Amino acid sequence: MQAVETIEVENSKVACDGGKAALGHPRVYLSMGDKGQVECPYCGRTYILKACAKAGGGH
């Protein structure tokens, strides 16, 4: 079994497509809210807000 990936990001809103090109999943947009992290419901990847990033930041 493959380990679940943890990714540090600089924005509290992320898009996940599972990576791996055609073997991924539909792109979903996830928001961390005040938690500072969010888990993708498809692949289980965990996105964690970097300590130097601002919560709620976005473009």
N, C-alpha and C. Protein backbone atom coordinates (compact mmCIF):
# COMPACT_ATOMS: atom_id res chain seq x y z
N MET A 1 0.84 -1.19 0.00
CA MET A 1 0.00 0.00 0.00
C MET A 1 0.88 1.24 0.00
N GLN A 2 0.50 2.22 -0.82
CA GLN A 2 1.28 3.44 -0.96
C GLN A 2 0.93 4.44 0.14
N ALA A 3 1.92 5.14 0.66
CA ALA A 3 1.70 6.15 1.71
C ALA A 3 0.93 7.33 1.14
N VAL A 4 0.10 7.93 1.97
CA VAL A 4 -0.66 9.10 1.56
C VAL A 4 0.28 10.30 1.54
N GLU A 5 0.17 11.10 0.52
CA GLU A 5 1.06 12.25 0.32
C GLU A 5 0.59 13.45 1.13
N THR A 6 1.53 14.16 1.73
CA THR A 6 1.26 15.41 2.44
C THR A 6 1.98 16.52 1.69
N ILE A 7 1.25 17.59 1.37
CA ILE A 7 1.80 18.67 0.57
C ILE A 7 1.64 19.99 1.31
N GLU A 8 2.74 20.73 1.47
CA GLU A 8 2.69 22.05 2.08
C GLU A 8 2.37 23.07 1.00
N VAL A 9 1.42 23.95 1.28
CA VAL A 9 1.01 24.96 0.30
C VAL A 9 1.00 26.34 0.95
N GLU A 10 0.95 27.37 0.12
CA GLU A 10 0.96 28.75 0.61
C GLU A 10 -0.40 29.41 0.53
N ASN A 11 -1.42 28.66 0.16
CA ASN A 11 -2.77 29.20 0.01
C ASN A 11 -3.75 28.25 0.68
N SER A 12 -4.74 28.78 1.37
CA SER A 12 -5.70 27.93 2.08
C SER A 12 -6.75 27.33 1.16
N LYS A 13 -6.71 27.69 -0.12
CA LYS A 13 -7.60 27.10 -1.12
C LYS A 13 -6.73 26.36 -2.13
N VAL A 14 -7.01 25.09 -2.35
CA VAL A 14 -6.20 24.26 -3.24
C VAL A 14 -7.08 23.48 -4.21
N ALA A 15 -6.47 23.05 -5.31
CA ALA A 15 -7.14 22.18 -6.26
C ALA A 15 -6.37 20.86 -6.29
N CYS A 16 -7.09 19.75 -6.26
CA CYS A 16 -6.44 18.44 -6.30
C CYS A 16 -7.04 17.63 -7.43
N ASP A 17 -6.17 17.01 -8.23
CA ASP A 17 -6.64 16.13 -9.30
C ASP A 17 -6.03 14.73 -9.15
N GLY A 18 -5.42 14.48 -8.01
CA GLY A 18 -4.84 13.18 -7.74
C GLY A 18 -3.48 12.97 -8.37
N GLY A 19 -3.04 13.91 -9.21
CA GLY A 19 -1.75 13.74 -9.87
C GLY A 19 -1.77 12.54 -10.80
N LYS A 20 -0.63 12.03 -11.12
CA LYS A 20 -0.49 10.82 -11.94
C LYS A 20 -1.25 10.88 -13.26
N ALA A 21 -1.41 12.05 -13.83
CA ALA A 21 -2.04 12.25 -15.15
C ALA A 21 -3.38 11.52 -15.28
N ALA A 22 -3.48 10.57 -16.19
CA ALA A 22 -4.74 9.89 -16.48
C ALA A 22 -5.20 9.00 -15.33
N LEU A 23 -4.32 8.68 -14.40
CA LEU A 23 -4.69 7.82 -13.28
C LEU A 23 -5.20 8.61 -12.08
N GLY A 24 -5.33 9.92 -12.22
CA GLY A 24 -5.80 10.77 -11.13
C GLY A 24 -7.30 10.66 -10.94
N HIS A 25 -7.92 11.76 -10.53
CA HIS A 25 -9.37 11.82 -10.32
C HIS A 25 -9.87 13.18 -10.78
N PRO A 26 -11.17 13.40 -10.84
CA PRO A 26 -11.67 14.72 -11.25
C PRO A 26 -11.11 15.80 -10.34
N ARG A 27 -10.80 16.96 -10.91
CA ARG A 27 -10.26 18.06 -10.12
C ARG A 27 -11.31 18.56 -9.14
N VAL A 28 -10.92 18.66 -7.87
CA VAL A 28 -11.79 19.20 -6.83
C VAL A 28 -11.09 20.38 -6.19
N TYR A 29 -11.86 21.36 -5.77
CA TYR A 29 -11.34 22.54 -5.11
C TYR A 29 -11.67 22.43 -3.63
N LEU A 30 -10.64 22.58 -2.80
CA LEU A 30 -10.78 22.37 -1.37
C LEU A 30 -10.38 23.63 -0.61
N SER A 31 -11.08 23.92 0.47
CA SER A 31 -10.78 25.07 1.30
C SER A 31 -10.46 24.58 2.71
N MET A 32 -9.38 25.10 3.27
CA MET A 32 -8.95 24.69 4.61
C MET A 32 -9.75 25.35 5.71
N GLY A 33 -10.39 26.48 5.40
CA GLY A 33 -11.07 27.22 6.46
C GLY A 33 -10.06 27.66 7.51
N ASP A 34 -10.41 27.55 8.78
CA ASP A 34 -9.51 27.95 9.87
C ASP A 34 -8.63 26.81 10.36
N LYS A 35 -8.77 25.63 9.78
CA LYS A 35 -8.05 24.45 10.25
C LYS A 35 -6.58 24.43 9.87
N GLY A 36 -6.23 25.07 8.77
CA GLY A 36 -4.84 25.05 8.32
C GLY A 36 -4.46 23.79 7.58
N GLN A 37 -5.44 22.90 7.34
CA GLN A 37 -5.18 21.71 6.54
C GLN A 37 -6.50 21.16 6.02
N VAL A 38 -6.40 20.38 4.93
CA VAL A 38 -7.58 19.75 4.35
C VAL A 38 -7.15 18.46 3.67
N GLU A 39 -8.03 17.48 3.68
CA GLU A 39 -7.75 16.19 3.05
C GLU A 39 -8.65 16.01 1.84
N CYS A 40 -8.07 15.54 0.74
CA CYS A 40 -8.84 15.29 -0.47
C CYS A 40 -9.74 14.07 -0.25
N PRO A 41 -11.04 14.20 -0.53
CA PRO A 41 -11.95 13.07 -0.33
C PRO A 41 -11.74 11.93 -1.33
N TYR A 42 -11.09 12.21 -2.45
CA TYR A 42 -10.84 11.17 -3.47
C TYR A 42 -9.59 10.35 -3.17
N CYS A 43 -8.45 11.04 -3.02
CA CYS A 43 -7.18 10.32 -2.93
C CYS A 43 -6.53 10.35 -1.55
N GLY A 44 -7.05 11.17 -0.65
CA GLY A 44 -6.51 11.22 0.70
C GLY A 44 -5.31 12.12 0.87
N ARG A 45 -4.85 12.76 -0.21
CA ARG A 45 -3.74 13.70 -0.06
C ARG A 45 -4.12 14.72 1.00
N THR A 46 -3.15 15.09 1.83
CA THR A 46 -3.38 16.10 2.85
C THR A 46 -2.60 17.34 2.46
N TYR A 47 -3.30 18.46 2.41
CA TYR A 47 -2.69 19.76 2.12
C TYR A 47 -2.60 20.53 3.43
N ILE A 48 -1.38 21.01 3.74
CA ILE A 48 -1.13 21.74 4.98
C ILE A 48 -0.62 23.13 4.63
N LEU A 49 -1.20 24.12 5.29
CA LEU A 49 -0.79 25.51 5.07
C LEU A 49 0.57 25.74 5.70
N LYS A 50 1.53 26.26 4.93
CA LYS A 50 2.85 26.57 5.46
C LYS A 50 2.73 27.60 6.57
N ALA A 51 3.61 27.52 7.54
CA ALA A 51 3.58 28.40 8.69
C ALA A 51 3.69 29.88 8.30
N CYS A 52 4.42 30.18 7.23
CA CYS A 52 4.62 31.56 6.82
C CYS A 52 3.48 32.09 5.96
N ALA A 53 2.54 31.24 5.57
CA ALA A 53 1.42 31.65 4.71
C ALA A 53 0.28 32.21 5.54
N LYS A 54 -0.54 33.03 4.91
CA LYS A 54 -1.68 33.63 5.58
C LYS A 54 -2.92 32.77 5.36
N ALA A 55 -3.61 32.44 6.42
CA ALA A 55 -4.86 31.69 6.31
C ALA A 55 -5.88 32.56 5.59
N GLY A 56 -6.66 31.96 4.73
CA GLY A 56 -7.70 32.69 4.02
C GLY A 56 -7.20 33.43 2.80
N GLY A 57 -5.90 33.37 2.55
CA GLY A 57 -5.34 34.05 1.39
C GLY A 57 -5.78 33.40 0.11
N GLY A 58 -5.84 34.17 -0.92
CA GLY A 58 -6.24 33.60 -2.21
C GLY A 58 -6.07 34.61 -3.31
N HIS A 59 -6.26 34.16 -4.51
CA HIS A 59 -6.14 35.05 -5.68
C HIS A 59 -7.51 35.30 -6.24
